[in-house]
Amino acid sequence: MKKIKMSSKNQIVIPAMVRERLKLRKGDLLTLYAVDDSHALLLKHPAPGGYAESLRGLGKDVWKKLGGADKYIKGERRSWDK
């Protein structure tokens, strides 16, 4: 993770590692969503196909860390019975 600083003109530079991973090129359109008071989500505008396709798989790493969606949901439901 690399820290970046906003300029006096409210501009930022997207680090090369992120540009490469997202395959960003000059002229690409991006959307920046404020998730909460300290998190934002940067999305590359999708090629024709729509936003749903560009968001596919967005949280799969989180679910893997939790042991899978089914396991997590079953655990949550068991906690309701306590």
Protein backbone atom coordinates (compact mmCIF):
# COMPACT_ATOMS: atom_id res chain seq x y z
CA MET A 1 0.00 0.00 0.00
CA LYS A 2 1.36 3.38 -0.95
CA LYS A 3 0.30 6.67 0.60
CA ILE A 4 -0.59 9.49 -1.75
CA LYS A 5 -1.06 13.18 -1.06
CA MET A 6 -3.74 15.48 -2.42
CA SER A 7 -2.36 18.62 -4.08
CA SER A 8 -3.46 22.17 -3.38
CA LYS A 9 -5.72 21.81 -6.44
CA ASN A 10 -7.40 18.71 -4.93
CA GLN A 11 -5.65 16.36 -7.35
CA ILE A 12 -4.07 12.97 -6.68
CA VAL A 13 -1.75 10.72 -8.66
CA ILE A 14 -2.82 7.09 -8.89
CA PRO A 15 0.26 4.96 -8.08
CA ALA A 16 1.77 2.96 -10.95
CA MET A 17 1.03 -0.34 -9.18
CA VAL A 18 -2.71 0.50 -9.12
CA ARG A 19 -2.72 1.82 -12.70
CA GLU A 20 -1.08 -1.37 -13.91
CA ARG A 21 -3.39 -3.66 -11.94
CA LEU A 22 -6.52 -1.88 -13.22
CA LYS A 23 -4.98 -1.56 -16.69
CA LEU A 24 -5.66 2.17 -16.67
CA ARG A 25 -4.75 4.17 -19.73
CA LYS A 26 -4.83 7.83 -20.66
CA GLY A 27 -8.42 8.92 -21.20
CA ASP A 28 -10.03 6.10 -19.17
CA LEU A 29 -13.10 7.13 -17.19
CA LEU A 30 -13.10 6.42 -13.46
CA THR A 31 -15.71 6.71 -10.73
CA LEU A 32 -14.85 7.37 -7.11
CA TYR A 33 -17.46 6.39 -4.52
CA ALA A 34 -17.30 7.49 -0.88
CA VAL A 35 -18.00 4.31 1.12
CA ASP A 36 -17.88 5.95 4.54
CA ASP A 37 -15.96 8.73 6.32
CA SER A 38 -12.55 7.16 5.68
CA HIS A 39 -12.93 4.78 2.72
CA ALA A 40 -13.48 5.28 -0.99
CA LEU A 41 -13.84 2.90 -3.90
CA LEU A 42 -12.24 3.65 -7.27
CA LEU A 43 -13.87 1.97 -10.25
CA LYS A 44 -12.77 1.93 -13.84
CA HIS A 45 -15.77 2.52 -16.08
CA PRO A 46 -16.64 -0.77 -17.65
CA ALA A 47 -16.38 -1.66 -21.26
CA PRO A 48 -19.79 -2.16 -22.84
CA GLY A 49 -21.56 -4.67 -20.63
CA GLY A 50 -22.62 -2.49 -17.75
CA TYR A 51 -21.85 -1.83 -14.14
CA ALA A 52 -23.10 -5.18 -12.84
CA GLU A 53 -20.45 -6.96 -14.89
CA SER A 54 -17.70 -4.61 -13.65
CA LEU A 55 -18.67 -5.32 -10.01
CA ARG A 56 -18.77 -9.11 -10.39
CA GLY A 57 -16.53 -10.78 -7.81
CA LEU A 58 -15.85 -7.53 -5.94
CA GLY A 59 -15.92 -9.11 -2.47
CA LYS A 60 -14.84 -12.67 -3.17
CA ASP A 61 -11.59 -12.36 -1.19
CA VAL A 62 -13.55 -11.27 1.87
CA TRP A 63 -15.87 -14.29 1.61
CA LYS A 64 -12.88 -16.62 1.20
CA LYS A 65 -11.35 -15.27 4.41
CA LEU A 66 -14.65 -15.91 6.20
CA GLY A 67 -14.73 -19.53 4.99
CA GLY A 68 -17.32 -19.00 2.28
CA ALA A 69 -20.70 -17.31 2.25
CA ASP A 70 -22.67 -20.43 3.25
CA LYS A 71 -20.47 -21.13 6.28
CA TYR A 72 -20.59 -17.52 7.41
CA ILE A 73 -24.37 -17.21 7.07
CA LYS A 74 -24.96 -20.50 8.92
CA GLY A 75 -22.69 -19.30 11.74
CA GLU A 76 -24.57 -16.01 11.98
CA ARG A 77 -27.91 -17.79 12.12
CA ARG A 78 -26.64 -20.11 14.88
CA SER A 79 -25.62 -17.04 16.89
CA TRP A 80 -29.25 -15.84 16.82
CA ASP A 81 -30.31 -18.87 18.83
CA LYS A 82 -27.97 -18.06 21.74
